Amino acid sequence: MNGADPDLLAMAQDELKRALTLQWRALSRIVPWGDSFEGISPGGRDVIVETAYLWRDAPGGDILCEVTVYGGESRFDAGEKVSAVIGKTGVRTA
């Protein structure tokens, strides 16, 4: 991820906000888990959005939530990734 595309970054940040609405208690039952969908970026581009929930260090600890937005399989490396940590007591930056 190169951090140079404000359109993709804006969408990734917005999707991360949505992803962080899930609580640790509910997520801890399904981690590791991920999902992806095709969408339209704020700038009108076709993109793929991937969300992943992973144990940050060890099962039962903090959960790392990562969102990646990119313009298709061949452009994954030109996408944007944002993340945050969901702890038992709340959300904090990764």
PDB file of N, CA and C in Angstrom:
ATOM      1  N   MET A   1       0.850  -1.159   0.000  1.00  0.00           N
ATOM      2  CA  MET A   1       0.000   0.000   0.000  1.00  0.00           C
ATOM      3  C   MET A   1       0.902   1.230   0.000  1.00  0.00           C
ATOM      4  N   ASN A   2       0.538   2.202  -0.806  1.00  0.00           N
ATOM      5  CA  ASN A   2       1.452   3.324  -0.970  1.00  0.00           C
ATOM      6  C   ASN A   2       1.003   4.614  -0.307  1.00  0.00           C
ATOM      7  N   GLY A   3      -0.205   4.691   0.227  1.00  0.00           N
ATOM      8  CA  GLY A   3      -0.654   5.878   0.934  1.00  0.00           C
ATOM      9  C   GLY A   3      -0.804   7.113   0.080  1.00  0.00           C
ATOM     10  N   ALA A   4      -0.981   6.950  -1.218  1.00  0.00           N
ATOM     11  CA  ALA A   4      -0.995   8.110  -2.102  1.00  0.00           C
ATOM     12  C   ALA A   4      -2.331   8.355  -2.799  1.00  0.00           C
ATOM     13  N   ASP A   5      -3.376   7.649  -2.443  1.00  0.00           N
ATOM     14  CA  ASP A   5      -4.643   7.810  -3.142  1.00  0.00           C
ATOM     15  C   ASP A   5      -5.738   8.253  -2.170  1.00  0.00           C
ATOM     16  N   PRO A   6      -6.038   9.553  -2.135  1.00  0.00           N
ATOM     17  CA  PRO A   6      -7.008  10.063  -1.171  1.00  0.00           C
ATOM     18  C   PRO A   6      -8.410   9.479  -1.343  1.00  0.00           C
ATOM     19  N   ASP A   7      -8.797   9.140  -2.553  1.00  0.00           N
ATOM     20  CA  ASP A   7     -10.116   8.553  -2.814  1.00  0.00           C
ATOM     21  C   ASP A   7     -10.231   7.183  -2.139  1.00  0.00           C
ATOM     22  N   LEU A   8      -9.240   6.330  -2.363  1.00  0.00           N
ATOM     23  CA  LEU A   8      -9.262   4.997  -1.758  1.00  0.00           C
ATOM     24  C   LEU A   8      -9.092   5.081  -0.241  1.00  0.00           C
ATOM     25  N   LEU A   9      -8.253   6.004   0.220  1.00  0.00           N
ATOM     26  CA  LEU A   9      -8.038   6.166   1.652  1.00  0.00           C
ATOM     27  C   LEU A   9      -9.326   6.610   2.348  1.00  0.00           C
ATOM     28  N   ALA A  10     -10.062   7.527   1.740  1.00  0.00           N
ATOM     29  CA  ALA A  10     -11.326   7.990   2.328  1.00  0.00           C
ATOM     30  C   ALA A  10     -12.312   6.836   2.464  1.00  0.00           C
ATOM     31  N   MET A  11     -12.378   5.993   1.451  1.00  0.00           N
ATOM     32  CA  MET A  11     -13.298   4.859   1.518  1.00  0.00           C
ATOM     33  C   MET A  11     -12.837   3.850   2.567  1.00  0.00           C
ATOM     34  N   ALA A  12     -11.548   3.605   2.640  1.00  0.00           N
ATOM     35  CA  ALA A  12     -11.021   2.665   3.629  1.00  0.00           C
ATOM     36  C   ALA A  12     -11.313   3.156   5.048  1.00  0.00           C
ATOM     37  N   GLN A  13     -11.131   4.438   5.286  1.00  0.00           N
ATOM     38  CA  GLN A  13     -11.400   4.987   6.614  1.00  0.00           C
ATOM     39  C   GLN A  13     -12.881   4.894   6.965  1.00  0.00           C
ATOM     40  N   ASP A  14     -13.738   5.154   5.998  1.00  0.00           N
ATOM     41  CA  ASP A  14     -15.179   5.062   6.233  1.00  0.00           C
ATOM     42  C   ASP A  14     -15.583   3.618   6.544  1.00  0.00           C
ATOM     43  N   GLU A  15     -15.054   2.680   5.787  1.00  0.00           N
ATOM     44  CA  GLU A  15     -15.375   1.269   6.039  1.00  0.00           C
ATOM     45  C   GLU A  15     -14.815   0.797   7.376  1.00  0.00           C
ATOM     46  N   LEU A  16     -13.650   1.325   7.775  1.00  0.00           N
ATOM     47  CA  LEU A  16     -13.088   0.954   9.071  1.00  0.00           C
ATOM     48  C   LEU A  16     -14.018   1.406  10.199  1.00  0.00           C
ATOM     49  N   LYS A  17     -14.581   2.604  10.073  1.00  0.00           N
ATOM     50  CA  LYS A  17     -15.527   3.078  11.088  1.00  0.00           C
ATOM     51  C   LYS A  17     -16.688   2.094  11.240  1.00  0.00           C
ATOM     52  N   ARG A  18     -17.190   1.597  10.129  1.00  0.00           N
ATOM     53  CA  ARG A  18     -18.287   0.621  10.168  1.00  0.00           C
ATOM     54  C   ARG A  18     -17.815  -0.691  10.807  1.00  0.00           C
ATOM     55  N   ALA A  19     -16.642  -1.126  10.414  1.00  0.00           N
ATOM     56  CA  ALA A  19     -16.116  -2.401  10.919  1.00  0.00           C
ATOM     57  C   ALA A  19     -15.900  -2.358  12.424  1.00  0.00           C
ATOM     58  N   LEU A  20     -15.590  -1.200  12.951  1.00  0.00           N
ATOM     59  CA  LEU A  20     -15.306  -1.072  14.375  1.00  0.00           C
ATOM     60  C   LEU A  20     -16.561  -0.978  15.232  1.00  0.00           C
ATOM     61  N   THR A  21     -17.720  -1.045  14.621  1.00  0.00           N
ATOM     62  CA  THR A  21     -18.958  -1.033  15.402  1.00  0.00           C
ATOM     63  C   THR A  21     -19.214  -2.387  16.061  1.00  0.00           C
ATOM     64  N   LEU A  22     -18.523  -3.419  15.601  1.00  0.00           N
ATOM     65  CA  LEU A  22     -18.666  -4.738  16.216  1.00  0.00           C
ATOM     66  C   LEU A  22     -17.852  -4.782  17.505  1.00  0.00           C
ATOM     67  N   GLN A  23     -18.386  -5.401  18.491  1.00  0.00           N
ATOM     68  CA  GLN A  23     -17.750  -5.474  19.801  1.00  0.00           C
ATOM     69  C   GLN A  23     -16.830  -6.693  19.912  1.00  0.00           C
ATOM     70  N   TRP A  24     -15.817  -6.576  20.770  1.00  0.00           N
ATOM     71  CA  TRP A  24     -14.849  -7.639  20.980  1.00  0.00           C
ATOM     72  C   TRP A  24     -15.540  -8.953  21.321  1.00  0.00           C
ATOM     73  N   ARG A  25     -16.506  -8.913  22.202  1.00  0.00           N
ATOM     74  CA  ARG A  25     -17.187 -10.126  22.675  1.00  0.00           C
ATOM     75  C   ARG A  25     -17.779 -10.925  21.509  1.00  0.00           C
ATOM     76  N   ALA A  26     -18.459 -10.245  20.606  1.00  0.00           N
ATOM     77  CA  ALA A  26     -19.057 -10.921  19.448  1.00  0.00           C
ATOM     78  C   ALA A  26     -17.980 -11.396  18.468  1.00  0.00           C
ATOM     79  N   LEU A  27     -16.997 -10.558  18.218  1.00  0.00           N
ATOM     80  CA  LEU A  27     -15.938 -10.914  17.268  1.00  0.00           C
ATOM     81  C   LEU A  27     -15.075 -12.064  17.754  1.00  0.00           C
ATOM     82  N   SER A  28     -14.842 -12.137  19.059  1.00  0.00           N
ATOM     83  CA  SER A  28     -13.940 -13.161  19.591  1.00  0.00           C
ATOM     84  C   SER A  28     -14.422 -14.575  19.281  1.00  0.00           C
ATOM     85  N   ARG A  29     -15.686 -14.728  18.988  1.00  0.00           N
ATOM     86  CA  ARG A  29     -16.243 -16.048  18.662  1.00  0.00           C
ATOM     87  C   ARG A  29     -15.964 -16.478  17.223  1.00  0.00           C
ATOM     88  N   ILE A  30     -15.617 -15.506  16.352  1.00  0.00           N
ATOM     89  CA  ILE A  30     -15.467 -15.835  14.923  1.00  0.00           C
ATOM     90  C   ILE A  30     -14.086 -15.523  14.353  1.00  0.00           C
ATOM     91  N   VAL A  31     -13.217 -14.881  15.135  1.00  0.00           N
ATOM     92  CA  VAL A  31     -11.882 -14.520  14.652  1.00  0.00           C
ATOM     93  C   VAL A  31     -11.058 -15.786  14.467  1.00  0.00           C
ATOM     94  N   PRO A  32     -10.271 -15.931  13.403  1.00  0.00           N
ATOM     95  CA  PRO A  32     -10.079 -14.987  12.315  1.00  0.00           C
ATOM     96  C   PRO A  32     -11.242 -15.044  11.319  1.00  0.00           C
ATOM     97  N   TRP A  33     -11.580 -13.882  10.784  1.00  0.00           N
ATOM     98  CA  TRP A  33     -12.693 -13.785   9.854  1.00  0.00           C
ATOM     99  C   TRP A  33     -12.458 -12.616   8.917  1.00  0.00           C
ATOM    100  N   GLY A  34     -12.952 -12.732   7.710  1.00  0.00           N
ATOM    101  CA  GLY A  34     -12.838 -11.640   6.752  1.00  0.00           C
ATOM    102  C   GLY A  34     -13.939 -11.700   5.721  1.00  0.00           C
ATOM    103  N   ASP A  35     -14.062 -10.600   4.994  1.00  0.00           N
ATOM    104  CA  ASP A  35     -15.095 -10.485   3.974  1.00  0.00           C
ATOM    105  C   ASP A  35     -14.614  -9.489   2.924  1.00  0.00           C
ATOM    106  N   SER A  36     -15.167  -9.589   1.745  1.00  0.00           N
ATOM    107  CA  SER A  36     -14.862  -8.602   0.708  1.00  0.00           C
ATOM    108  C   SER A  36     -16.107  -8.350  -0.132  1.00  0.00           C
ATOM    109  N   PHE A  37     -16.146  -7.167  -0.736  1.00  0.00           N
ATOM    110  CA  PHE A  37     -17.245  -6.833  -1.640  1.00  0.00           C
ATOM    111  C   PHE A  37     -16.765  -5.825  -2.667  1.00  0.00           C
ATOM    112  N   GLU A  38     -17.483  -5.759  -3.768  1.00  0.00           N
ATOM    113  CA  GLU A  38     -17.207  -4.757  -4.786  1.00  0.00           C
ATOM    114  C   GLU A  38     -18.065  -3.545  -4.494  1.00  0.00           C
ATOM    115  N   GLY A  39     -17.491  -2.357  -4.653  1.00  0.00           N
ATOM    116  CA  GLY A  39     -18.219  -1.138  -4.370  1.00  0.00           C
ATOM    117  C   GLY A  39     -17.774  -0.001  -5.270  1.00  0.00           C
ATOM    118  N   ILE A  40     -18.288   1.172  -4.967  1.00  0.00           N
ATOM    119  CA  ILE A  40     -17.951   2.389  -5.703  1.00  0.00           C
ATOM    120  C   ILE A  40     -17.320   3.355  -4.705  1.00  0.00           C
ATOM    121  N   SER A  41     -16.137   3.849  -5.025  1.00  0.00           N
ATOM    122  CA  SER A  41     -15.432   4.778  -4.144  1.00  0.00           C
ATOM    123  C   SER A  41     -16.134   6.142  -4.154  1.00  0.00           C
ATOM    124  N   PRO A  42     -15.794   7.012  -3.202  1.00  0.00           N
ATOM    125  CA  PRO A  42     -16.377   8.357  -3.209  1.00  0.00           C
ATOM    126  C   PRO A  42     -16.135   9.096  -4.527  1.00  0.00           C
ATOM    127  N   GLY A  43     -15.033   8.774  -5.201  1.00  0.00           N
ATOM    128  CA  GLY A  43     -14.714   9.395  -6.482  1.00  0.00           C
ATOM    129  C   GLY A  43     -15.362   8.715  -7.678  1.00  0.00           C
ATOM    130  N   GLY A  44     -16.180   7.677  -7.432  1.00  0.00           N
ATOM    131  CA  GLY A  44     -16.914   7.015  -8.509  1.00  0.00           C
ATOM    132  C   GLY A  44     -16.176   5.858  -9.166  1.00  0.00           C
ATOM    133  N   ARG A  45     -15.115   5.363  -8.560  1.00  0.00           N
ATOM    134  CA  ARG A  45     -14.349   4.249  -9.139  1.00  0.00           C
ATOM    135  C   ARG A  45     -14.853   2.913  -8.619  1.00  0.00           C
ATOM    136  N   ASP A  46     -14.791   1.905  -9.465  1.00  0.00           N
ATOM    137  CA  ASP A  46     -15.090   0.539  -9.038  1.00  0.00           C
ATOM    138  C   ASP A  46     -13.915   0.050  -8.189  1.00  0.00           C
ATOM    139  N   VAL A  47     -14.227  -0.473  -7.003  1.00  0.00           N
ATOM    140  CA  VAL A  47     -13.175  -0.925  -6.097  1.00  0.00           C
ATOM    141  C   VAL A  47     -13.585  -2.230  -5.432  1.00  0.00           C
ATOM    142  N   ILE A  48     -12.615  -2.857  -4.809  1.00  0.00           N
ATOM    143  CA  ILE A  48     -12.846  -4.016  -3.951  1.00  0.00           C
ATOM    144  C   ILE A  48     -12.484  -3.582  -2.531  1.00  0.00           C
ATOM    145  N   VAL A  49     -13.351  -3.930  -1.600  1.00  0.00           N
ATOM    146  CA  VAL A  49     -13.137  -3.601  -0.186  1.00  0.00           C
ATOM    147  C   VAL A  49     -12.996  -4.914   0.571  1.00  0.00           C
ATOM    148  N   GLU A  50     -11.885  -5.074   1.272  1.00  0.00           N
ATOM    149  CA  GLU A  50     -11.653  -6.265   2.090  1.00  0.00           C
ATOM    150  C   GLU A  50     -11.551  -5.856   3.548  1.00  0.00           C
ATOM    151  N   THR A  51     -12.251  -6.572   4.404  1.00  0.00           N
ATOM    152  CA  THR A  51     -12.179  -6.355   5.845  1.00  0.00           C
ATOM    153  C   THR A  51     -11.728  -7.655   6.487  1.00  0.00           C
ATOM    154  N   ALA A  52     -10.755  -7.558   7.388  1.00  0.00           N
ATOM    155  CA  ALA A  52     -10.244  -8.739   8.084  1.00  0.00           C
ATOM    156  C   ALA A  52     -10.179  -8.466   9.578  1.00  0.00           C
ATOM    157  N   TYR A  53     -10.577  -9.467  10.341  1.00  0.00           N
ATOM    158  CA  TYR A  53     -10.451  -9.440  11.800  1.00  0.00           C
ATOM    159  C   TYR A  53      -9.507 -10.580  12.175  1.00  0.00           C
ATOM    160  N   LEU A  54      -8.389 -10.238  12.813  1.00  0.00           N
ATOM    161  CA  LEU A  54      -7.357 -11.214  13.160  1.00  0.00           C
ATOM    162  C   LEU A  54      -6.942 -11.020  14.614  1.00  0.00           C
ATOM    163  N   TRP A  55      -6.488 -12.093  15.246  1.00  0.00           N
ATOM    164  CA  TRP A  55      -5.913 -11.919  16.575  1.00  0.00           C
ATOM    165  C   TRP A  55      -4.635 -11.121  16.406  1.00  0.00           C
ATOM    166  N   ARG A  56      -4.469 -10.076  17.191  1.00  0.00           N
ATOM    167  CA  ARG A  56      -3.289  -9.223  17.041  1.00  0.00           C
ATOM    168  C   ARG A  56      -2.023  -9.951  17.469  1.00  0.00           C
ATOM    169  N   ASP A  57      -2.045 -10.572  18.628  1.00  0.00           N
ATOM    170  CA  ASP A  57      -0.868 -11.282  19.120  1.00  0.00           C
ATOM    171  C   ASP A  57      -1.167 -12.752  19.381  1.00  0.00           C
ATOM    172  N   ALA A  58      -2.214 -13.006  20.142  1.00  0.00           N
ATOM    173  CA  ALA A  58      -2.558 -14.384  20.513  1.00  0.00           C
ATOM    174  C   ALA A  58      -4.069 -14.503  20.664  1.00  0.00           C
ATOM    175  N   PRO A  59      -4.614 -15.681  20.401  1.00  0.00           N
ATOM    176  CA  PRO A  59      -6.051 -15.883  20.576  1.00  0.00           C
ATOM    177  C   PRO A  59      -6.497 -15.483  21.987  1.00  0.00           C
ATOM    178  N   GLY A  60      -7.629 -14.776  22.037  1.00  0.00           N
ATOM    179  CA  GLY A  60      -8.168 -14.318  23.298  1.00  0.00           C
ATOM    180  C   GLY A  60      -7.725 -12.920  23.691  1.00  0.00           C
ATOM    181  N   GLY A  61      -6.796 -12.355  22.903  1.00  0.00           N
ATOM    182  CA  GLY A  61      -6.299 -11.000  23.185  1.00  0.00           C
ATOM    183  C   GLY A  61      -6.975  -9.969  22.300  1.00  0.00           C
ATOM    184  N   ASP A  62      -6.233  -8.936  21.985  1.00  0.00           N
ATOM    185  CA  ASP A  62      -6.757  -7.875  21.127  1.00  0.00           C
ATOM    186  C   ASP A  62      -7.006  -8.392  19.712  1.00  0.00           C
ATOM    187  N   ILE A  63      -7.969  -7.760  19.045  1.00  0.00           N
ATOM    188  CA  ILE A  63      -8.317  -8.120  17.670  1.00  0.00           C
ATOM    189  C   ILE A  63      -7.883  -6.984  16.750  1.00  0.00           C
ATOM    190  N   LEU A  64      -7.116  -7.307  15.731  1.00  0.00           N
ATOM    191  CA  LEU A  64      -6.697  -6.340  14.729  1.00  0.00           C
ATOM    192  C   LEU A  64      -7.737  -6.323  13.621  1.00  0.00           C
ATOM    193  N   CYS A  65      -8.262  -5.150  13.330  1.00  0.00           N
ATOM    194  CA  CYS A  65      -9.213  -4.982  12.231  1.00  0.00           C
ATOM    195  C   CYS A  65      -8.502  -4.217  11.119  1.00  0.00           C
ATOM    196  N   GLU A  66      -8.445  -4.812   9.936  1.00  0.00           N
ATOM    197  CA  GLU A  66      -7.796  -4.180   8.785  1.00  0.00           C
ATOM    198  C   GLU A  66      -8.804  -4.047   7.649  1.00  0.00           C
ATOM    199  N   VAL A  67      -8.805  -2.883   7.007  1.00  0.00           N
ATOM    200  CA  VAL A  67      -9.635  -2.653   5.828  1.00  0.00           C
ATOM    201  C   VAL A  67      -8.714  -2.230   4.694  1.00  0.00           C
ATOM    202  N   THR A  68      -8.852  -2.902   3.561  1.00  0.00           N
ATOM    203  CA  THR A  68      -8.065  -2.585   2.373  1.00  0.00           C
ATOM    204  C   THR A  68      -9.023  -2.261   1.235  1.00  0.00           C
ATOM    205  N   VAL A  69      -8.754  -1.177   0.522  1.00  0.00           N
ATOM    206  CA  VAL A  69      -9.562  -0.783  -0.628  1.00  0.00           C
ATOM    207  C   VAL A  69      -8.616  -0.644  -1.815  1.00  0.00           C
ATOM    208  N   TYR A  70      -8.974  -1.309  -2.919  1.00  0.00           N
ATOM    209  CA  TYR A  70      -8.119  -1.250  -4.105  1.00  0.00           C
ATOM    210  C   TYR A  70      -8.977  -1.366  -5.364  1.00  0.00           C
ATOM    211  N   GLY A  71      -8.394  -0.979  -6.474  1.00  0.00           N
ATOM    212  CA  GLY A  71      -9.129  -0.880  -7.730  1.00  0.00           C
ATOM    213  C   GLY A  71      -9.111  -2.129  -8.580  1.00  0.00           C
ATOM    214  N   GLY A  72      -9.137  -3.299  -7.996  1.00  0.00           N
ATOM    215  CA  GLY A  72      -9.150  -4.554  -8.746  1.00  0.00           C
ATOM    216  C   GLY A  72      -7.927  -5.389  -8.408  1.00  0.00           C
ATOM    217  N   GLU A  73      -8.035  -6.675  -8.683  1.00  0.00           N
ATOM    218  CA  GLU A  73      -6.983  -7.629  -8.306  1.00  0.00           C
ATOM    219  C   GLU A  73      -5.587  -7.208  -8.757  1.00  0.00           C
ATOM    220  N   SER A  74      -5.463  -6.708  -9.966  1.00  0.00           N
ATOM    221  CA  SER A  74      -4.138  -6.351 -10.477  1.00  0.00           C
ATOM    222  C   SER A  74      -3.599  -5.062  -9.857  1.00  0.00           C
ATOM    223  N   ARG A  75      -4.443  -4.330  -9.111  1.00  0.00           N
ATOM    224  CA  ARG A  75      -4.012  -3.069  -8.506  1.00  0.00           C
ATOM    225  C   ARG A  75      -4.009  -3.125  -6.976  1.00  0.00           C
ATOM    226  N   PHE A  76      -3.922  -4.327  -6.425  1.00  0.00           N
ATOM    227  CA  PHE A  76      -3.916  -4.480  -4.971  1.00  0.00           C
ATOM    228  C   PHE A  76      -2.806  -3.651  -4.320  1.00  0.00           C
ATOM    229  N   ASP A  77      -1.604  -3.687  -4.895  1.00  0.00           N
ATOM    230  CA  ASP A  77      -0.468  -2.976  -4.315  1.00  0.00           C
ATOM    231  C   ASP A  77      -0.618  -1.460  -4.370  1.00  0.00           C
ATOM    232  N   ALA A  78      -1.533  -0.951  -5.176  1.00  0.00           N
ATOM    233  CA  ALA A  78      -1.775   0.490  -5.263  1.00  0.00           C
ATOM    234  C   ALA A  78      -2.959   0.905  -4.392  1.00  0.00           C
ATOM    235  N   GLY A  79      -3.457  -0.028  -3.589  1.00  0.00           N
ATOM    236  CA  GLY A  79      -4.601   0.260  -2.733  1.00  0.00           C
ATOM    237  C   GLY A  79      -4.200   0.941  -1.443  1.00  0.00           C
ATOM    238  N   GLU A  80      -5.201   1.126  -0.592  1.00  0.00           N
ATOM    239  CA  GLU A  80      -4.990   1.754   0.711  1.00  0.00           C
ATOM    240  C   GLU A  80      -5.454   0.810   1.807  1.00  0.00           C
ATOM    241  N   LYS A  81      -4.672   0.733   2.889  1.00  0.00           N
ATOM    242  CA  LYS A  81      -5.012  -0.112   4.034  1.00  0.00           C
ATOM    243  C   LYS A  81      -5.002   0.733   5.292  1.00  0.00           C
ATOM    244  N   VAL A  82      -6.045   0.567   6.103  1.00  0.00           N
ATOM    245  CA  VAL A  82      -6.123   1.218   7.406  1.00  0.00           C
ATOM    246  C   VAL A  82      -6.461   0.148   8.439  1.00  0.00           C
ATOM    247  N   SER A  83      -6.113   0.410   9.689  1.00  0.00           N
ATOM    248  CA  SER A  83      -6.370  -0.596  10.709  1.00  0.00           C
ATOM    249  C   SER A  83      -6.570   0.050  12.077  1.00  0.00           C
ATOM    250  N   ALA A  84      -7.153  -0.728  12.961  1.00  0.00           N
ATOM    251  CA  ALA A  84      -7.339  -0.331  14.353  1.00  0.00           C
ATOM    252  C   ALA A  84      -7.420  -1.607  15.174  1.00  0.00           C
ATOM    253  N   VAL A  85      -7.273  -1.463  16.467  1.00  0.00           N
ATOM    254  CA  VAL A  85      -7.308  -2.599  17.375  1.00  0.00           C
ATOM    255  C   VAL A  85      -8.589  -2.529  18.202  1.00  0.00           C
ATOM    256  N   ILE A  86      -9.254  -3.668  18.284  1.00  0.00           N
ATOM    257  CA  ILE A  86     -10.430  -3.803  19.136  1.00  0.00           C
ATOM    258  C   ILE A  86      -9.999  -4.614  20.352  1.00  0.00           C
ATOM    259  N   GLY A  87      -9.928  -3.931  21.478  1.00  0.00           N
ATOM    260  CA  GLY A  87      -9.562  -4.586  22.725  1.00  0.00           C
ATOM    261  C   GLY A  87     -10.813  -4.927  23.518  1.00  0.00           C
ATOM    262  N   LYS A  88     -10.641  -5.664  24.563  1.00  0.00           N
ATOM    263  CA  LYS A  88     -11.772  -6.038  25.411  1.00  0.00           C
ATOM    264  C   LYS A  88     -12.432  -4.806  26.022  1.00  0.00           C
ATOM    265  N   THR A  89     -11.671  -3.735  26.169  1.00  0.00           N
ATOM    266  CA  THR A  89     -12.208  -2.528  26.783  1.00  0.00           C
ATOM    267  C   THR A  89     -12.507  -1.419  25.787  1.00  0.00           C
ATOM    268  N   GLY A  90     -12.329  -1.653  24.478  1.00  0.00           N
ATOM    269  CA  GLY A  90     -12.646  -0.631  23.489  1.00  0.00           C
ATOM    270  C   GLY A  90     -11.696  -0.641  22.318  1.00  0.00           C
ATOM    271  N   VAL A  91     -11.834   0.370  21.460  1.00  0.00           N
ATOM    272  CA  VAL A  91     -11.074   0.480  20.223  1.00  0.00           C
ATOM    273  C   VAL A  91      -9.918   1.460  20.413  1.00  0.00           C
ATOM    274  N   ARG A  92      -8.784   1.129  19.812  1.00  0.00           N
ATOM    275  CA  ARG A  92      -7.654   2.053  19.782  1.00  0.00           C
ATOM    276  C   ARG A  92      -6.933   1.887  18.444  1.00  0.00           C
ATOM    277  N   THR A  93      -6.111   2.848  18.092  1.00  0.00           N
ATOM    278  CA  THR A  93      -5.403   2.761  16.827  1.00  0.00           C
ATOM    279  C   THR A  93      -4.374   1.649  16.879  1.00  0.00           C
ATOM    280  N   ALA A  94      -4.074   1.120  15.700  1.00  0.00           N
ATOM    281  CA  ALA A  94      -3.144  -0.019  15.617  1.00  0.00           C
ATOM    282  C   ALA A  94      -1.717   0.390  15.815  1.00  0.00           C
TER     283      ALA A  94
END
